[in-house]
Amino acid sequence: MEAKKPTAILRMHCPDKPGIIAVISDFITTNRGNIIYLDQYVDHVNGVFYMRVEWELENFLIPSEKISEYFNTLYAMRYNMTYRVSFSKRRQKMAIFVSKMSHCLYDMLARYVAGEWDVEIPVIISNHQDLAIAGKQFGIPFEHIPVNRDNKEEMEQREFEILDRYGVDFIVLARYMQVLSENFIERYPNRIINIHHSFLPAFVGAKPYHQAYERGVKLIGATSHYVTTELDAGPIIEQDVVRISHKDTIDDLVKKGRDLEKIVLSRAVEKHIQRKILTYDNKTVVFS
């Protein structure tokens, strides 16, 4: 298989004006960049333009470390753009936080070893010892940090030390049953991905499948979102539903729900790895 050429990825949004696609495309092509992906969206209600563009760097005239500076000077200030430039050659490092439930953890590890994701997983962190076996099976360091409501500040400092030691870029909560502190969340803005076992904002809080059963719903769902200081209210990345009927028991709902959680979380993680998510005003644009 031919190796993928190094690319630059620009994600941006700004007030909508005519000609923005043209000037950004011209910036890339004039400097001998080959555009391999371009997707854009206009929010006509609020007058905001969003775009993701990726181009090959093989013959690009501007050094990688200067691209953001050039772009800011030439276009970002002129068009009042909020933007970010990333590079495909930089492989991100993802830490997984987990408690006792294994379904999301094993699904992600299976995708990882199968080579589906261009990412490194240097560490698994858990507040329980139950899934230490997973670290051994996949050859990934497993760190037991027994955090609870009484020692949260002390234990989170230990987690920060571990995350810094491994150079972690973002975190995935694979059914991690602890609420992160505001200090923790602010250290990783839009870099902590959670899976919630319901279709938010319906059935928030504990035992959503029991709530769904009691209400006689015909669909159950799962939601993956970035973590914010407001519980289960961060920017939504991915959602899906599965149909159920009156014949399904609570156990049936839990089983179907867990299958759905794995799929929804993996989609969200993949989009984050591919840098296809743009966050704004507690919402997201998720490019295809």
C-alpha atoms as a PDB file:
ATOM      1  CA  MET A   1       0.000   0.000   0.000  1.00  0.00           C
ATOM      2  CA  GLU A   2       1.323   3.398  -0.989  1.00  0.00           C
ATOM      3  CA  ALA A   3       2.065   5.630   2.000  1.00  0.00           C
ATOM      4  CA  LYS A   4      -0.143   8.688   2.331  1.00  0.00           C
ATOM      5  CA  LYS A   5       1.608  11.943   1.599  1.00  0.00           C
ATOM      6  CA  PRO A   6       1.887  14.463   4.467  1.00  0.00           C
ATOM      7  CA  THR A   7      -0.961  16.967   4.484  1.00  0.00           C
ATOM      8  CA  ALA A   8      -2.036  20.168   6.194  1.00  0.00           C
ATOM      9  CA  ILE A   9      -5.603  20.515   7.489  1.00  0.00           C
ATOM     10  CA  LEU A  10      -7.338  23.869   7.908  1.00  0.00           C
ATOM     11  CA  ARG A  11     -10.576  24.143   9.901  1.00  0.00           C
ATOM     12  CA  MET A  12     -12.140  27.584  10.092  1.00  0.00           C
ATOM     13  CA  HIS A  13     -15.286  29.640  10.520  1.00  0.00           C
ATOM     14  CA  CYS A  14     -16.033  33.315   9.995  1.00  0.00           C
ATOM     15  CA  PRO A  15     -18.837  35.706   9.021  1.00  0.00           C
ATOM     16  CA  ASP A  16     -20.166  34.610   5.645  1.00  0.00           C
ATOM     17  CA  LYS A  17     -18.956  36.655   2.676  1.00  0.00           C
ATOM     18  CA  PRO A  18     -18.660  35.953  -1.061  1.00  0.00           C
ATOM     19  CA  GLY A  19     -15.327  34.660  -2.316  1.00  0.00           C
ATOM     20  CA  ILE A  20     -13.897  32.996   0.801  1.00  0.00           C
ATOM     21  CA  ILE A  21     -13.535  29.579  -0.850  1.00  0.00           C
ATOM     22  CA  ALA A  22     -11.810  31.213  -3.809  1.00  0.00           C
ATOM     23  CA  VAL A  23      -9.208  33.113  -1.781  1.00  0.00           C
ATOM     24  CA  ILE A  24      -8.331  30.123   0.420  1.00  0.00           C
ATOM     25  CA  SER A  25      -8.105  27.795  -2.580  1.00  0.00           C
ATOM     26  CA  ASP A  26      -5.921  30.358  -4.341  1.00  0.00           C
ATOM     27  CA  PHE A  27      -3.644  30.595  -1.290  1.00  0.00           C
ATOM     28  CA  ILE A  28      -3.093  26.833  -1.448  1.00  0.00           C
ATOM     29  CA  THR A  29      -2.759  26.350  -5.180  1.00  0.00           C
ATOM     30  CA  THR A  30      -0.588  29.440  -5.733  1.00  0.00           C
ATOM     31  CA  ASN A  31       1.862  27.949  -3.265  1.00  0.00           C
ATOM     32  CA  ARG A  32       1.788  24.610  -5.124  1.00  0.00           C
ATOM     33  CA  GLY A  33      -0.433  22.735  -2.699  1.00  0.00           C
ATOM     34  CA  ASN A  34      -2.646  19.956  -4.038  1.00  0.00           C
ATOM     35  CA  ILE A  35      -6.119  20.090  -2.454  1.00  0.00           C
ATOM     36  CA  ILE A  36      -7.391  16.581  -1.683  1.00  0.00           C
ATOM     37  CA  TYR A  37     -10.437  17.465   0.444  1.00  0.00           C
ATOM     38  CA  LEU A  38     -12.700  20.490   0.719  1.00  0.00           C
ATOM     39  CA  ASP A  39     -16.024  20.682   2.522  1.00  0.00           C
ATOM     40  CA  GLN A  40     -17.963  23.780   3.524  1.00  0.00           C
ATOM     41  CA  TYR A  41     -21.207  24.750   5.176  1.00  0.00           C
ATOM     42  CA  VAL A  42     -23.085  28.045   5.514  1.00  0.00           C
ATOM     43  CA  ASP A  43     -25.320  28.732   8.497  1.00  0.00           C
ATOM     44  CA  HIS A  44     -27.741  31.089   6.747  1.00  0.00           C
ATOM     45  CA  VAL A  45     -29.641  31.864   9.944  1.00  0.00           C
ATOM     46  CA  ASN A  46     -26.588  33.253  11.745  1.00  0.00           C
ATOM     47  CA  GLY A  47     -24.563  34.195   8.666  1.00  0.00           C
ATOM     48  CA  VAL A  48     -21.549  32.024   9.479  1.00  0.00           C
ATOM     49  CA  PHE A  49     -19.314  30.181   7.001  1.00  0.00           C
ATOM     50  CA  TYR A  50     -17.541  26.933   7.985  1.00  0.00           C
ATOM     51  CA  MET A  51     -14.911  25.040   6.025  1.00  0.00           C
ATOM     52  CA  ARG A  52     -12.421  22.202   6.250  1.00  0.00           C
ATOM     53  CA  VAL A  53      -9.745  21.911   3.586  1.00  0.00           C
ATOM     54  CA  GLU A  54      -6.825  19.481   3.378  1.00  0.00           C
ATOM     55  CA  TRP A  55      -3.891  19.685   0.988  1.00  0.00           C
ATOM     56  CA  GLU A  56      -0.665  17.814   0.286  1.00  0.00           C
ATOM     57  CA  LEU A  57       2.560  19.414   1.485  1.00  0.00           C
ATOM     58  CA  GLU A  58       4.975  17.604  -0.825  1.00  0.00           C
ATOM     59  CA  ASN A  59       5.581  20.626  -3.072  1.00  0.00           C
ATOM     60  CA  PHE A  60       4.099  23.357  -0.895  1.00  0.00           C
ATOM     61  CA  LEU A  61       6.267  26.476  -0.909  1.00  0.00           C
ATOM     62  CA  ILE A  62       5.536  27.662   2.633  1.00  0.00           C
ATOM     63  CA  PRO A  63       7.290  25.725   5.442  1.00  0.00           C
ATOM     64  CA  SER A  64       4.847  23.914   7.730  1.00  0.00           C
ATOM     65  CA  GLU A  65       5.849  25.958  10.769  1.00  0.00           C
ATOM     66  CA  LYS A  66       5.038  29.191   8.880  1.00  0.00           C
ATOM     67  CA  ILE A  67       1.661  28.251   7.351  1.00  0.00           C
ATOM     68  CA  SER A  68      -0.459  29.470  10.279  1.00  0.00           C
ATOM     69  CA  GLU A  69       1.469  32.755  10.453  1.00  0.00           C
ATOM     70  CA  TYR A  70       1.055  33.416   6.715  1.00  0.00           C
ATOM     71  CA  PHE A  71      -2.621  32.475   6.780  1.00  0.00           C
ATOM     72  CA  ASN A  72      -3.325  34.671   9.771  1.00  0.00           C
ATOM     73  CA  THR A  73      -1.651  37.687   8.167  1.00  0.00           C
ATOM     74  CA  LEU A  74      -3.176  37.267   4.711  1.00  0.00           C
ATOM     75  CA  TYR A  75      -6.720  36.116   5.472  1.00  0.00           C
ATOM     76  CA  ALA A  76      -7.693  35.420   9.085  1.00  0.00           C
ATOM     77  CA  MET A  77      -7.478  39.014  10.257  1.00  0.00           C
ATOM     78  CA  ARG A  78      -9.102  40.351   7.087  1.00  0.00           C
ATOM     79  CA  TYR A  79     -12.110  38.004   7.253  1.00  0.00           C
ATOM     80  CA  ASN A  80     -12.344  37.758  11.071  1.00  0.00           C
ATOM     81  CA  MET A  81     -11.672  34.010  10.943  1.00  0.00           C
ATOM     82  CA  THR A  82     -11.359  31.590  13.812  1.00  0.00           C
ATOM     83  CA  TYR A  83      -9.136  28.826  12.499  1.00  0.00           C
ATOM     84  CA  ARG A  84      -6.786  25.961  13.283  1.00  0.00           C
ATOM     85  CA  VAL A  85      -4.060  24.386  11.153  1.00  0.00           C
ATOM     86  CA  SER A  86      -3.109  20.755  11.871  1.00  0.00           C
ATOM     87  CA  PHE A  87      -0.769  18.292  10.172  1.00  0.00           C
ATOM     88  CA  SER A  88      -1.413  14.649   9.335  1.00  0.00           C
ATOM     89  CA  LYS A  89       2.189  13.628  10.035  1.00  0.00           C
ATOM     90  CA  ARG A  90       1.699  14.386  13.736  1.00  0.00           C
ATOM     91  CA  ARG A  91       0.151  11.231  15.194  1.00  0.00           C
ATOM     92  CA  GLN A  92      -2.097  12.091  18.113  1.00  0.00           C
ATOM     93  CA  LYS A  93      -1.920  10.310  21.456  1.00  0.00           C
ATOM     94  CA  MET A  94      -5.197   9.173  23.005  1.00  0.00           C
ATOM     95  CA  ALA A  95      -5.682   8.106  26.622  1.00  0.00           C
ATOM     96  CA  ILE A  96      -8.640   5.910  27.544  1.00  0.00           C
ATOM     97  CA  PHE A  97     -10.404   6.308  30.900  1.00  0.00           C
ATOM     98  CA  VAL A  98     -12.573   3.372  31.977  1.00  0.00           C
ATOM     99  CA  SER A  99     -14.260   2.001  35.098  1.00  0.00           C
ATOM    100  CA  LYS A 100     -15.719  -1.531  35.131  1.00  0.00           C
ATOM    101  CA  MET A 101     -17.738  -1.841  31.903  1.00  0.00           C
ATOM    102  CA  SER A 102     -15.569  -3.257  29.138  1.00  0.00           C
ATOM    103  CA  HIS A 103     -17.624  -3.065  25.928  1.00  0.00           C
ATOM    104  CA  CYS A 104     -16.434   0.338  24.680  1.00  0.00           C
ATOM    105  CA  LEU A 105     -12.846  -0.251  25.795  1.00  0.00           C
ATOM    106  CA  TYR A 106     -12.459  -3.554  23.953  1.00  0.00           C
ATOM    107  CA  ASP A 107     -14.135  -2.193  20.836  1.00  0.00           C
ATOM    108  CA  MET A 108     -11.660   0.701  20.661  1.00  0.00           C
ATOM    109  CA  LEU A 109      -8.655  -1.491  21.382  1.00  0.00           C
ATOM    110  CA  ALA A 110      -9.719  -3.928  18.651  1.00  0.00           C
ATOM    111  CA  ARG A 111      -9.945  -1.072  16.136  1.00  0.00           C
ATOM    112  CA  TYR A 112      -6.587   0.220  17.326  1.00  0.00           C
ATOM    113  CA  VAL A 113      -4.676  -3.042  16.856  1.00  0.00           C
ATOM    114  CA  ALA A 114      -6.455  -3.626  13.527  1.00  0.00           C
ATOM    115  CA  GLY A 115      -4.924  -0.374  12.273  1.00  0.00           C
ATOM    116  CA  GLU A 116      -8.249   1.356  11.664  1.00  0.00           C
ATOM    117  CA  TRP A 117      -7.129   4.526  13.462  1.00  0.00           C
ATOM    118  CA  ASP A 118      -4.004   6.592  12.891  1.00  0.00           C
ATOM    119  CA  VAL A 119      -3.477   7.206  16.599  1.00  0.00           C
ATOM    120  CA  GLU A 120      -1.385   6.044  19.536  1.00  0.00           C
ATOM    121  CA  ILE A 121      -2.884   4.750  22.789  1.00  0.00           C
ATOM    122  CA  PRO A 122      -0.060   5.080  25.315  1.00  0.00           C
ATOM    123  CA  VAL A 123      -2.071   4.510  28.488  1.00  0.00           C
ATOM    124  CA  ILE A 124      -5.352   3.265  29.987  1.00  0.00           C
ATOM    125  CA  ILE A 125      -6.442   4.892  33.266  1.00  0.00           C
ATOM    126  CA  SER A 126      -9.093   3.430  35.551  1.00  0.00           C
ATOM    127  CA  ASN A 127     -10.546   4.005  38.994  1.00  0.00           C
ATOM    128  CA  HIS A 128     -10.869   0.202  39.365  1.00  0.00           C
ATOM    129  CA  GLN A 129      -8.555  -2.767  38.826  1.00  0.00           C
ATOM    130  CA  ASP A 130     -11.160  -4.883  37.003  1.00  0.00           C
ATOM    131  CA  LEU A 131      -9.917  -4.197  33.462  1.00  0.00           C
ATOM    132  CA  ALA A 132      -6.181  -4.332  34.111  1.00  0.00           C
ATOM    133  CA  ILE A 133      -6.226  -7.550  32.067  1.00  0.00           C
ATOM    134  CA  ALA A 134      -7.070  -5.484  28.967  1.00  0.00           C
ATOM    135  CA  GLY A 135      -3.829  -3.551  29.317  1.00  0.00           C
ATOM    136  CA  LYS A 136      -1.859  -6.810  29.507  1.00  0.00           C
ATOM    137  CA  GLN A 137      -3.709  -8.330  26.550  1.00  0.00           C
ATOM    138  CA  PHE A 138      -3.004  -5.338  24.302  1.00  0.00           C
ATOM    139  CA  GLY A 139       0.391  -4.364  25.692  1.00  0.00           C
ATOM    140  CA  ILE A 140      -0.746  -0.939  26.915  1.00  0.00           C
ATOM    141  CA  PRO A 141       0.222   0.446  30.348  1.00  0.00           C
ATOM    142  CA  PHE A 142      -2.724   0.342  32.757  1.00  0.00           C
ATOM    143  CA  GLU A 143      -2.754   2.893  35.565  1.00  0.00           C
ATOM    144  CA  HIS A 144      -5.058   2.372  38.557  1.00  0.00           C
ATOM    145  CA  ILE A 145      -6.054   5.703  40.102  1.00  0.00           C
ATOM    146  CA  PRO A 146      -8.682   5.035  42.828  1.00  0.00           C
ATOM    147  CA  VAL A 147     -10.432   8.382  42.576  1.00  0.00           C
ATOM    148  CA  ASN A 148     -13.592   9.110  44.542  1.00  0.00           C
ATOM    149  CA  ARG A 149     -15.453  12.194  45.751  1.00  0.00           C
ATOM    150  CA  ASP A 150     -13.211  12.540  48.803  1.00  0.00           C
ATOM    151  CA  ASN A 151      -9.810  12.352  47.105  1.00  0.00           C
ATOM    152  CA  LYS A 152     -10.635  13.749  43.654  1.00  0.00           C
ATOM    153  CA  GLU A 153      -8.200  16.671  43.715  1.00  0.00           C
ATOM    154  CA  GLU A 154      -5.253  14.527  44.811  1.00  0.00           C
ATOM    155  CA  MET A 155      -6.032  11.714  42.371  1.00  0.00           C
ATOM    156  CA  GLU A 156      -6.550  14.079  39.445  1.00  0.00           C
ATOM    157  CA  GLN A 157      -3.095  15.516  40.076  1.00  0.00           C
ATOM    158  CA  ARG A 158      -1.730  11.978  39.687  1.00  0.00           C
ATOM    159  CA  GLU A 159      -3.705  11.641  36.451  1.00  0.00           C
ATOM    160  CA  PHE A 160      -2.281  14.929  35.158  1.00  0.00           C
ATOM    161  CA  GLU A 161       1.227  13.650  35.822  1.00  0.00           C
ATOM    162  CA  ILE A 162       0.508  10.457  33.880  1.00  0.00           C
ATOM    163  CA  LEU A 163      -1.091  12.300  30.967  1.00  0.00           C
ATOM    164  CA  ASP A 164       1.831  14.737  30.778  1.00  0.00           C
ATOM    165  CA  ARG A 165       4.373  11.914  30.989  1.00  0.00           C
ATOM    166  CA  TYR A 166       2.821  10.181  27.985  1.00  0.00           C
ATOM    167  CA  GLY A 167       2.228  13.416  26.051  1.00  0.00           C
ATOM    168  CA  VAL A 168      -1.499  12.741  25.703  1.00  0.00           C
ATOM    169  CA  ASP A 169      -3.375  14.963  23.227  1.00  0.00           C
ATOM    170  CA  PHE A 170      -6.951  13.910  23.975  1.00  0.00           C
ATOM    171  CA  ILE A 171      -8.947  11.629  26.255  1.00  0.00           C
ATOM    172  CA  VAL A 172     -11.808   9.197  25.654  1.00  0.00           C
ATOM    173  CA  LEU A 173     -14.128   8.297  28.511  1.00  0.00           C
ATOM    174  CA  ALA A 174     -15.127   4.700  27.740  1.00  0.00           C
ATOM    175  CA  ARG A 175     -17.942   4.506  30.305  1.00  0.00           C
ATOM    176  CA  TYR A 176     -15.757   6.107  32.969  1.00  0.00           C
ATOM    177  CA  MET A 177     -18.076   6.503  35.931  1.00  0.00           C
ATOM    178  CA  GLN A 178     -16.538   9.567  37.528  1.00  0.00           C
ATOM    179  CA  VAL A 179     -17.408  13.236  37.049  1.00  0.00           C
ATOM    180  CA  LEU A 180     -14.300  15.202  36.091  1.00  0.00           C
ATOM    181  CA  SER A 181     -13.524  18.393  37.955  1.00  0.00           C
ATOM    182  CA  GLU A 182     -13.775  21.803  36.322  1.00  0.00           C
ATOM    183  CA  ASN A 183      -9.989  22.099  36.550  1.00  0.00           C
ATOM    184  CA  PHE A 184      -9.563  18.833  34.650  1.00  0.00           C
ATOM    185  CA  ILE A 185     -11.989  19.813  31.904  1.00  0.00           C
ATOM    186  CA  GLU A 186     -10.397  23.221  31.422  1.00  0.00           C
ATOM    187  CA  ARG A 187      -6.998  21.571  30.853  1.00  0.00           C
ATOM    188  CA  TYR A 188      -8.407  19.692  27.850  1.00  0.00           C
ATOM    189  CA  PRO A 189     -11.014  21.915  26.142  1.00  0.00           C
ATOM    190  CA  ASN A 190     -12.840  20.004  23.392  1.00  0.00           C
ATOM    191  CA  ARG A 191     -10.343  17.177  23.890  1.00  0.00           C
ATOM    192  CA  ILE A 192     -12.322  14.902  26.209  1.00  0.00           C
ATOM    193  CA  ILE A 193     -14.819  12.660  24.405  1.00  0.00           C
ATOM    194  CA  ASN A 194     -17.613  10.978  26.364  1.00  0.00           C
ATOM    195  CA  ILE A 195     -20.239   8.391  25.472  1.00  0.00           C
ATOM    196  CA  HIS A 196     -23.638   8.874  27.080  1.00  0.00           C
ATOM    197  CA  HIS A 197     -26.008   5.940  27.168  1.00  0.00           C
ATOM    198  CA  SER A 198     -29.049   7.777  25.886  1.00  0.00           C
ATOM    199  CA  PHE A 199     -30.114  10.081  23.074  1.00  0.00           C
ATOM    200  CA  LEU A 200     -29.377  13.424  24.683  1.00  0.00           C
ATOM    201  CA  PRO A 201     -31.006  15.558  25.857  1.00  0.00           C
ATOM    202  CA  ALA A 202     -33.728  12.971  26.638  1.00  0.00           C
ATOM    203  CA  PHE A 203     -33.356  10.642  29.625  1.00  0.00           C
ATOM    204  CA  VAL A 204     -30.337  12.339  31.158  1.00  0.00           C
ATOM    205  CA  GLY A 205     -28.817  11.144  34.406  1.00  0.00           C
ATOM    206  CA  ALA A 206     -28.881   7.668  35.913  1.00  0.00           C
ATOM    207  CA  LYS A 207     -30.525   4.551  34.460  1.00  0.00           C
ATOM    208  CA  PRO A 208     -31.708   5.952  31.117  1.00  0.00           C
ATOM    209  CA  TYR A 209     -32.699   2.481  29.868  1.00  0.00           C
ATOM    210  CA  HIS A 210     -34.965   2.055  32.872  1.00  0.00           C
ATOM    211  CA  GLN A 211     -36.461   5.490  32.168  1.00  0.00           C
ATOM    212  CA  ALA A 212     -36.969   4.535  28.523  1.00  0.00           C
ATOM    213  CA  TYR A 213     -38.611   1.254  29.497  1.00  0.00           C
ATOM    214  CA  GLU A 214     -40.974   2.971  31.887  1.00  0.00           C
ATOM    215  CA  ARG A 215     -41.966   5.469  29.205  1.00  0.00           C
ATOM    216  CA  GLY A 216     -42.552   2.757  26.600  1.00  0.00           C
ATOM    217  CA  VAL A 217     -40.253   4.310  24.011  1.00  0.00           C
ATOM    218  CA  LYS A 218     -39.823   2.769  20.567  1.00  0.00           C
ATOM    219  CA  LEU A 219     -36.301   4.051  19.998  1.00  0.00           C
ATOM    220  CA  ILE A 220     -33.273   4.161  22.272  1.00  0.00           C
ATOM    221  CA  GLY A 221     -30.083   5.994  21.471  1.00  0.00           C
ATOM    222  CA  ALA A 222     -26.539   6.886  22.400  1.00  0.00           C
ATOM    223  CA  THR A 223     -24.714  10.209  22.250  1.00  0.00           C
ATOM    224  CA  SER A 224     -21.018  11.013  22.040  1.00  0.00           C
ATOM    225  CA  HIS A 225     -20.024  14.546  22.982  1.00  0.00           C
ATOM    226  CA  TYR A 226     -17.160  16.681  24.200  1.00  0.00           C
ATOM    227  CA  VAL A 227     -17.081  17.116  27.963  1.00  0.00           C
ATOM    228  CA  THR A 228     -17.805  20.545  29.418  1.00  0.00           C
ATOM    229  CA  THR A 229     -18.313  21.763  32.951  1.00  0.00           C
ATOM    230  CA  GLU A 230     -22.069  21.359  32.479  1.00  0.00           C
ATOM    231  CA  LEU A 231     -22.807  17.652  32.907  1.00  0.00           C
ATOM    232  CA  ASP A 232     -23.809  15.822  29.703  1.00  0.00           C
ATOM    233  CA  ALA A 233     -24.318  19.120  27.864  1.00  0.00           C
ATOM    234  CA  GLY A 234     -21.156  19.490  25.774  1.00  0.00           C
ATOM    235  CA  PRO A 235     -20.981  19.830  21.975  1.00  0.00           C
ATOM    236  CA  ILE A 236     -22.504  16.706  20.401  1.00  0.00           C
ATOM    237  CA  ILE A 237     -20.279  14.819  17.944  1.00  0.00           C
ATOM    238  CA  GLU A 238     -22.257  11.711  17.039  1.00  0.00           C
ATOM    239  CA  GLN A 239     -25.641  10.132  17.800  1.00  0.00           C
ATOM    240  CA  ASP A 240     -27.611   7.097  16.702  1.00  0.00           C
ATOM    241  CA  VAL A 241     -30.729   5.129  17.615  1.00  0.00           C
ATOM    242  CA  VAL A 242     -31.995   1.561  17.480  1.00  0.00           C
ATOM    243  CA  ARG A 243     -35.643   0.507  17.289  1.00  0.00           C
ATOM    244  CA  ILE A 244     -37.212  -1.467  20.111  1.00  0.00           C
ATOM    245  CA  SER A 245     -40.689  -2.787  20.880  1.00  0.00           C
ATOM    246  CA  HIS A 246     -42.936  -3.694  23.802  1.00  0.00           C
ATOM    247  CA  LYS A 247     -41.438  -7.198  23.680  1.00  0.00           C
ATOM    248  CA  ASP A 248     -37.993  -5.965  24.740  1.00  0.00           C
ATOM    249  CA  THR A 249     -37.057  -6.322  28.391  1.00  0.00           C
ATOM    250  CA  ILE A 250     -34.738  -3.955  30.250  1.00  0.00           C
ATOM    251  CA  ASP A 251     -31.938  -6.480  29.669  1.00  0.00           C
ATOM    252  CA  ASP A 252     -32.688  -6.351  25.931  1.00  0.00           C
ATOM    253  CA  LEU A 253     -32.498  -2.561  26.001  1.00  0.00           C
ATOM    254  CA  VAL A 254     -29.176  -2.621  27.847  1.00  0.00           C
ATOM    255  CA  LYS A 255     -27.710  -5.113  25.361  1.00  0.00           C
ATOM    256  CA  LYS A 256     -28.876  -3.163  22.328  1.00  0.00           C
ATOM    257  CA  GLY A 257     -27.799   0.072  23.951  1.00  0.00           C
ATOM    258  CA  ARG A 258     -24.278  -1.146  24.629  1.00  0.00           C
ATOM    259  CA  ASP A 259     -23.864  -2.253  21.028  1.00  0.00           C
ATOM    260  CA  LEU A 260     -24.977   1.212  19.972  1.00  0.00           C
ATOM    261  CA  GLU A 261     -22.623   2.927  22.428  1.00  0.00           C
ATOM    262  CA  LYS A 262     -19.618   1.174  20.870  1.00  0.00           C
ATOM    263  CA  ILE A 263     -20.579   2.285  17.370  1.00  0.00           C
ATOM    264  CA  VAL A 264     -21.371   5.887  18.290  1.00  0.00           C
ATOM    265  CA  LEU A 265     -18.212   6.321  20.359  1.00  0.00           C
ATOM    266  CA  SER A 266     -15.984   4.828  17.667  1.00  0.00           C
ATOM    267  CA  ARG A 267     -17.454   7.168  15.047  1.00  0.00           C
ATOM    268  CA  ALA A 268     -16.828  10.169  17.272  1.00  0.00           C
ATOM    269  CA  VAL A 269     -13.254   9.125  18.037  1.00  0.00           C
ATOM    270  CA  GLU A 270     -12.514   8.520  14.361  1.00  0.00           C
ATOM    271  CA  LYS A 271     -13.809  11.979  13.403  1.00  0.00           C
ATOM    272  CA  HIS A 272     -11.657  13.556  16.109  1.00  0.00           C
ATOM    273  CA  ILE A 273      -8.564  11.647  14.957  1.00  0.00           C
ATOM    274  CA  GLN A 274      -9.199  12.729  11.373  1.00  0.00           C
ATOM    275  CA  ARG A 275      -9.619  16.328  12.566  1.00  0.00           C
ATOM    276  CA  LYS A 276     -13.059  16.574  10.984  1.00  0.00           C
ATOM    277  CA  ILE A 277     -14.811  18.313  13.882  1.00  0.00           C
ATOM    278  CA  LEU A 278     -15.185  22.062  14.259  1.00  0.00           C
ATOM    279  CA  THR A 279     -16.605  23.324  17.563  1.00  0.00           C
ATOM    280  CA  TYR A 280     -18.378  26.636  18.097  1.00  0.00           C
ATOM    281  CA  ASP A 281     -20.891  27.994  20.643  1.00  0.00           C
ATOM    282  CA  ASN A 282     -21.279  24.580  22.313  1.00  0.00           C
ATOM    283  CA  LYS A 283     -22.147  23.009  18.954  1.00  0.00           C
ATOM    284  CA  THR A 284     -20.209  21.174  16.296  1.00  0.00           C
ATOM    285  CA  VAL A 285     -19.877  20.981  12.552  1.00  0.00           C
ATOM    286  CA  VAL A 286     -18.842  17.407  11.774  1.00  0.00           C
ATOM    287  CA  PHE A 287     -17.500  17.147   8.239  1.00  0.00           C
ATOM    288  CA  SER A 288     -18.042  13.967   6.239  1.00  0.00           C
END
